Amino acid sequence: MPKTNEPKNNFSELKEKFEETQKELLYLKAENEYLKGLRRLRMEQQMLENPELFTPSKDISSSH
């Protein structure tokens, strides 16, 4: 009998691990989107505080 329970337990463990991994993936995706939003807000704030840092330079010398 123990041999028939072994695959069932292994499947249950794999299923549990898969579900944990899916939850972690969803958490990390949400965290990534949150951090992207923070970065965007920080960049917008920096653009308002120092617009000269985000405008192209007019003094671009060409080597051609």
PDB file of N, CA and C in Angstrom:
ATOM      1  N   MET A   1       0.786  -1.205   0.000  1.00  0.00           N
ATOM      2  CA  MET A   1       0.000   0.000   0.000  1.00  0.00           C
ATOM      3  C   MET A   1       0.836   1.281   0.000  1.00  0.00           C
ATOM      4  N   PRO A   2       1.954   1.359   0.708  1.00  0.00           N
ATOM      5  CA  PRO A   2       2.704   2.612   0.723  1.00  0.00           C
ATOM      6  C   PRO A   2       3.115   3.073  -0.672  1.00  0.00           C
ATOM      7  N   LYS A   3       3.329   2.120  -1.598  1.00  0.00           N
ATOM      8  CA  LYS A   3       3.747   2.518  -2.943  1.00  0.00           C
ATOM      9  C   LYS A   3       2.642   3.252  -3.678  1.00  0.00           C
ATOM     10  N   THR A   4       1.379   2.914  -3.448  1.00  0.00           N
ATOM     11  CA  THR A   4       0.290   3.619  -4.120  1.00  0.00           C
ATOM     12  C   THR A   4       0.093   5.016  -3.546  1.00  0.00           C
ATOM     13  N   ASN A   5       0.395   5.227  -2.282  1.00  0.00           N
ATOM     14  CA  ASN A   5       0.277   6.546  -1.673  1.00  0.00           C
ATOM     15  C   ASN A   5       1.433   7.463  -2.063  1.00  0.00           C
ATOM     16  N   GLU A   6       2.561   6.903  -2.384  1.00  0.00           N
ATOM     17  CA  GLU A   6       3.746   7.700  -2.732  1.00  0.00           C
ATOM     18  C   GLU A   6       3.475   8.632  -3.921  1.00  0.00           C
ATOM     19  N   PRO A   7       2.981   8.146  -5.056  1.00  0.00           N
ATOM     20  CA  PRO A   7       2.726   9.068  -6.170  1.00  0.00           C
ATOM     21  C   PRO A   7       1.668  10.110  -5.827  1.00  0.00           C
ATOM     22  N   LYS A   8       0.660   9.715  -5.068  1.00  0.00           N
ATOM     23  CA  LYS A   8      -0.389  10.656  -4.685  1.00  0.00           C
ATOM     24  C   LYS A   8       0.189  11.774  -3.820  1.00  0.00           C
ATOM     25  N   ASN A   9       1.033  11.413  -2.850  1.00  0.00           N
ATOM     26  CA  ASN A   9       1.667  12.414  -2.002  1.00  0.00           C
ATOM     27  C   ASN A   9       2.596  13.305  -2.817  1.00  0.00           C
ATOM     28  N   ASN A  10       3.336  12.700  -3.737  1.00  0.00           N
ATOM     29  CA  ASN A  10       4.242  13.464  -4.583  1.00  0.00           C
ATOM     30  C   ASN A  10       3.447  14.460  -5.428  1.00  0.00           C
ATOM     31  N   PHE A  11       2.325  14.007  -5.986  1.00  0.00           N
ATOM     32  CA  PHE A  11       1.478  14.902  -6.785  1.00  0.00           C
ATOM     33  C   PHE A  11       0.937  16.030  -5.919  1.00  0.00           C
ATOM     34  N   SER A  12       0.506  15.712  -4.721  1.00  0.00           N
ATOM     35  CA  SER A  12      -0.018  16.735  -3.808  1.00  0.00           C
ATOM     36  C   SER A  12       1.054  17.761  -3.474  1.00  0.00           C
ATOM     37  N   GLU A  13       2.256  17.290  -3.241  1.00  0.00           N
ATOM     38  CA  GLU A  13       3.365  18.204  -2.945  1.00  0.00           C
ATOM     39  C   GLU A  13       3.674  19.091  -4.149  1.00  0.00           C
ATOM     40  N   LEU A  14       3.687  18.494  -5.338  1.00  0.00           N
ATOM     41  CA  LEU A  14       3.954  19.277  -6.551  1.00  0.00           C
ATOM     42  C   LEU A  14       2.851  20.305  -6.786  1.00  0.00           C
ATOM     43  N   LYS A  15       1.616  19.892  -6.573  1.00  0.00           N
ATOM     44  CA  LYS A  15       0.489  20.809  -6.759  1.00  0.00           C
ATOM     45  C   LYS A  15       0.583  21.967  -5.766  1.00  0.00           C
ATOM     46  N   GLU A  16       0.907  21.656  -4.515  1.00  0.00           N
ATOM     47  CA  GLU A  16       1.041  22.689  -3.492  1.00  0.00           C
ATOM     48  C   GLU A  16       2.175  23.656  -3.846  1.00  0.00           C
ATOM     49  N   LYS A  17       3.301  23.112  -4.271  1.00  0.00           N
ATOM     50  CA  LYS A  17       4.436  23.951  -4.659  1.00  0.00           C
ATOM     51  C   LYS A  17       4.079  24.832  -5.850  1.00  0.00           C
ATOM     52  N   PHE A  18       3.360  24.270  -6.812  1.00  0.00           N
ATOM     53  CA  PHE A  18       2.930  25.029  -7.987  1.00  0.00           C
ATOM     54  C   PHE A  18       2.025  26.185  -7.575  1.00  0.00           C
ATOM     55  N   GLU A  19       1.083  25.926  -6.685  1.00  0.00           N
ATOM     56  CA  GLU A  19       0.171  26.969  -6.220  1.00  0.00           C
ATOM     57  C   GLU A  19       0.923  28.061  -5.456  1.00  0.00           C
ATOM     58  N   GLU A  20       1.892  27.663  -4.646  1.00  0.00           N
ATOM     59  CA  GLU A  20       2.716  28.644  -3.936  1.00  0.00           C
ATOM     60  C   GLU A  20       3.493  29.507  -4.929  1.00  0.00           C
ATOM     61  N   THR A  21       4.022  28.862  -5.955  1.00  0.00           N
ATOM     62  CA  THR A  21       4.796  29.581  -6.963  1.00  0.00           C
ATOM     63  C   THR A  21       3.904  30.556  -7.727  1.00  0.00           C
ATOM     64  N   GLN A  22       2.673  30.157  -8.027  1.00  0.00           N
ATOM     65  CA  GLN A  22       1.738  31.056  -8.706  1.00  0.00           C
ATOM     66  C   GLN A  22       1.429  32.275  -7.836  1.00  0.00           C
ATOM     67  N   LYS A  23       1.214  32.053  -6.550  1.00  0.00           N
ATOM     68  CA  LYS A  23       0.941  33.171  -5.634  1.00  0.00           C
ATOM     69  C   LYS A  23       2.127  34.122  -5.576  1.00  0.00           C
ATOM     70  N   GLU A  24       3.327  33.550  -5.506  1.00  0.00           N
ATOM     71  CA  GLU A  24       4.530  34.379  -5.460  1.00  0.00           C
ATOM     72  C   GLU A  24       4.680  35.186  -6.745  1.00  0.00           C
ATOM     73  N   LEU A  25       4.387  34.557  -7.879  1.00  0.00           N
ATOM     74  CA  LEU A  25       4.474  35.246  -9.160  1.00  0.00           C
ATOM     75  C   LEU A  25       3.510  36.427  -9.202  1.00  0.00           C
ATOM     76  N   LEU A  26       2.281  36.217  -8.768  1.00  0.00           N
ATOM     77  CA  LEU A  26       1.305  37.310  -8.748  1.00  0.00           C
ATOM     78  C   LEU A  26       1.757  38.434  -7.824  1.00  0.00           C
ATOM     79  N   TYR A  27       2.306  38.075  -6.668  1.00  0.00           N
ATOM     80  CA  TYR A  27       2.805  39.082  -5.729  1.00  0.00           C
ATOM     81  C   TYR A  27       3.939  39.888  -6.368  1.00  0.00           C
ATOM     82  N   LEU A  28       4.867  39.185  -7.023  1.00  0.00           N
ATOM     83  CA  LEU A  28       6.008  39.868  -7.618  1.00  0.00           C
ATOM     84  C   LEU A  28       5.587  40.743  -8.796  1.00  0.00           C
ATOM     85  N   LYS A  29       4.601  40.311  -9.557  1.00  0.00           N
ATOM     86  CA  LYS A  29       4.094  41.148 -10.652  1.00  0.00           C
ATOM     87  C   LYS A  29       3.476  42.430 -10.103  1.00  0.00           C
ATOM     88  N   ALA A  30       2.699  42.293  -9.029  1.00  0.00           N
ATOM     89  CA  ALA A  30       2.085  43.468  -8.417  1.00  0.00           C
ATOM     90  C   ALA A  30       3.150  44.403  -7.854  1.00  0.00           C
ATOM     91  N   GLU A  31       4.150  43.823  -7.201  1.00  0.00           N
ATOM     92  CA  GLU A  31       5.236  44.636  -6.648  1.00  0.00           C
ATOM     93  C   GLU A  31       5.981  45.359  -7.767  1.00  0.00           C
ATOM     94  N   ASN A  32       6.218  44.681  -8.867  1.00  0.00           N
ATOM     95  CA  ASN A  32       6.916  45.274  -9.999  1.00  0.00           C
ATOM     96  C   ASN A  32       6.126  46.460 -10.570  1.00  0.00           C
ATOM     97  N   GLU A  33       4.820  46.292 -10.722  1.00  0.00           N
ATOM     98  CA  GLU A  33       3.987  47.393 -11.225  1.00  0.00           C
ATOM     99  C   GLU A  33       3.996  48.571 -10.257  1.00  0.00           C
ATOM    100  N   TYR A  34       3.947  48.289  -8.979  1.00  0.00           N
ATOM    101  CA  TYR A  34       3.998  49.336  -7.960  1.00  0.00           C
ATOM    102  C   TYR A  34       5.312  50.114  -8.057  1.00  0.00           C
ATOM    103  N   LEU A  35       6.419  49.387  -8.168  1.00  0.00           N
ATOM    104  CA  LEU A  35       7.725  50.040  -8.254  1.00  0.00           C
ATOM    105  C   LEU A  35       7.872  50.831  -9.543  1.00  0.00           C
ATOM    106  N   LYS A  36       7.310  50.337 -10.630  1.00  0.00           N
ATOM    107  CA  LYS A  36       7.327  51.096 -11.889  1.00  0.00           C
ATOM    108  C   LYS A  36       6.572  52.411 -11.718  1.00  0.00           C
ATOM    109  N   GLY A  37       5.446  52.360 -11.014  1.00  0.00           N
ATOM    110  CA  GLY A  37       4.671  53.567 -10.757  1.00  0.00           C
ATOM    111  C   GLY A  37       5.442  54.558  -9.906  1.00  0.00           C
ATOM    112  N   LEU A  38       6.112  54.074  -8.875  1.00  0.00           N
ATOM    113  CA  LEU A  38       6.941  54.957  -8.048  1.00  0.00           C
ATOM    114  C   LEU A  38       8.052  55.599  -8.864  1.00  0.00           C
ATOM    115  N   ARG A  39       8.673  54.802  -9.714  1.00  0.00           N
ATOM    116  CA  ARG A  39       9.760  55.324 -10.558  1.00  0.00           C
ATOM    117  C   ARG A  39       9.230  56.410 -11.494  1.00  0.00           C
ATOM    118  N   ARG A  40       8.059  56.155 -12.092  1.00  0.00           N
ATOM    119  CA  ARG A  40       7.464  57.138 -12.993  1.00  0.00           C
ATOM    120  C   ARG A  40       7.167  58.432 -12.247  1.00  0.00           C
ATOM    121  N   LEU A  41       6.589  58.327 -11.047  1.00  0.00           N
ATOM    122  CA  LEU A  41       6.290  59.520 -10.258  1.00  0.00           C
ATOM    123  C   LEU A  41       7.560  60.273  -9.876  1.00  0.00           C
ATOM    124  N   ARG A  42       8.614  59.518  -9.510  1.00  0.00           N
ATOM    125  CA  ARG A  42       9.878  60.156  -9.151  1.00  0.00           C
ATOM    126  C   ARG A  42      10.470  60.896 -10.356  1.00  0.00           C
ATOM    127  N   MET A  43      10.391  60.264 -11.522  1.00  0.00           N
ATOM    128  CA  MET A  43      10.922  60.908 -12.734  1.00  0.00           C
ATOM    129  C   MET A  43      10.124  62.175 -13.067  1.00  0.00           C
ATOM    130  N   GLU A  44       8.804  62.106 -12.915  1.00  0.00           N
ATOM    131  CA  GLU A  44       7.979  63.284 -13.179  1.00  0.00           C
ATOM    132  C   GLU A  44       8.328  64.409 -12.205  1.00  0.00           C
ATOM    133  N   GLN A  45       8.529  64.056 -10.945  1.00  0.00           N
ATOM    134  CA  GLN A  45       8.894  65.064  -9.945  1.00  0.00           C
ATOM    135  C   GLN A  45      10.252  65.679 -10.271  1.00  0.00           C
ATOM    136  N   GLN A  46      11.205  64.861 -10.674  1.00  0.00           N
ATOM    137  CA  GLN A  46      12.532  65.374 -11.040  1.00  0.00           C
ATOM    138  C   GLN A  46      12.449  66.275 -12.264  1.00  0.00           C
ATOM    139  N   MET A  47      11.577  65.919 -13.201  1.00  0.00           N
ATOM    140  CA  MET A  47      11.420  66.754 -14.397  1.00  0.00           C
ATOM    141  C   MET A  47      10.874  68.125 -14.024  1.00  0.00           C
ATOM    142  N   LEU A  48       9.961  68.168 -13.056  1.00  0.00           N
ATOM    143  CA  LEU A  48       9.406  69.452 -12.620  1.00  0.00           C
ATOM    144  C   LEU A  48      10.440  70.278 -11.863  1.00  0.00           C
ATOM    145  N   GLU A  49      11.262  69.605 -11.052  1.00  0.00           N
ATOM    146  CA  GLU A  49      12.262  70.315 -10.243  1.00  0.00           C
ATOM    147  C   GLU A  49      13.468  70.747 -11.070  1.00  0.00           C
ATOM    148  N   ASN A  50      13.889  69.916 -12.022  1.00  0.00           N
ATOM    149  CA  ASN A  50      15.080  70.202 -12.834  1.00  0.00           C
ATOM    150  C   ASN A  50      14.821  69.926 -14.313  1.00  0.00           C
ATOM    151  N   PRO A  51      14.025  70.766 -14.967  1.00  0.00           N
ATOM    152  CA  PRO A  51      13.694  70.487 -16.367  1.00  0.00           C
ATOM    153  C   PRO A  51      14.909  70.508 -17.291  1.00  0.00           C
ATOM    154  N   GLU A  52      15.952  71.232 -16.903  1.00  0.00           N
ATOM    155  CA  GLU A  52      17.144  71.295 -17.757  1.00  0.00           C
ATOM    156  C   GLU A  52      17.848  69.941 -17.868  1.00  0.00           C
ATOM    157  N   LEU A  53      17.638  69.074 -16.906  1.00  0.00           N
ATOM    158  CA  LEU A  53      18.254  67.744 -16.961  1.00  0.00           C
ATOM    159  C   LEU A  53      17.569  66.835 -17.980  1.00  0.00           C
ATOM    160  N   PHE A  54      16.346  67.191 -18.376  1.00  0.00           N
ATOM    161  CA  PHE A  54      15.576  66.326 -19.249  1.00  0.00           C
ATOM    162  C   PHE A  54      15.343  66.911 -20.633  1.00  0.00           C
ATOM    163  N   THR A  55      15.984  68.031 -20.935  1.00  0.00           N
ATOM    164  CA  THR A  55      15.865  68.600 -22.276  1.00  0.00           C
ATOM    165  C   THR A  55      17.145  68.307 -23.044  1.00  0.00           C
ATOM    166  N   PRO A  56      17.016  68.065 -24.337  1.00  0.00           N
ATOM    167  CA  PRO A  56      18.219  67.785 -25.126  1.00  0.00           C
ATOM    168  C   PRO A  56      19.157  68.993 -25.143  1.00  0.00           C
ATOM    169  N   SER A  57      20.409  68.722 -25.110  1.00  0.00           N
ATOM    170  CA  SER A  57      21.402  69.785 -25.147  1.00  0.00           C
ATOM    171  C   SER A  57      21.433  70.402 -26.548  1.00  0.00           C
ATOM    172  N   LYS A  58      21.568  71.736 -26.593  1.00  0.00           N
ATOM    173  CA  LYS A  58      21.647  72.431 -27.882  1.00  0.00           C
ATOM    174  C   LYS A  58      23.081  72.471 -28.387  1.00  0.00           C
ATOM    175  N   ASP A  59      24.017  72.129 -27.525  1.00  0.00           N
ATOM    176  CA  ASP A  59      25.424  72.180 -27.872  1.00  0.00           C
ATOM    177  C   ASP A  59      25.944  70.762 -28.122  1.00  0.00           C
ATOM    178  N   ILE A  60      25.406  70.135 -29.161  1.00  0.00           N
ATOM    179  CA  ILE A  60      25.842  68.792 -29.525  1.00  0.00           C
ATOM    180  C   ILE A  60      26.816  68.915 -30.698  1.00  0.00           C
ATOM    181  N   SER A  61      28.045  68.536 -30.465  1.00  0.00           N
ATOM    182  CA  SER A  61      29.028  68.630 -31.549  1.00  0.00           C
ATOM    183  C   SER A  61      29.085  67.300 -32.277  1.00  0.00           C
ATOM    184  N   SER A  62      29.141  67.393 -33.569  1.00  0.00           N
ATOM    185  CA  SER A  62      29.175  66.187 -34.404  1.00  0.00           C
ATOM    186  C   SER A  62      30.618  65.913 -34.803  1.00  0.00           C
ATOM    187  N   SER A  63      30.977  64.650 -34.825  1.00  0.00           N
ATOM    188  CA  SER A  63      32.353  64.298 -35.193  1.00  0.00           C
ATOM    189  C   SER A  63      32.488  64.021 -36.676  1.00  0.00           C
ATOM    190  N   HIS A  64      31.445  64.292 -37.475  1.00  0.00           N
ATOM    191  CA  HIS A  64      31.517  64.037 -38.918  1.00  0.00           C
ATOM    192  C   HIS A  64      31.967  65.229 -39.667  1.00  0.00           C
TER     193      HIS A  64
END
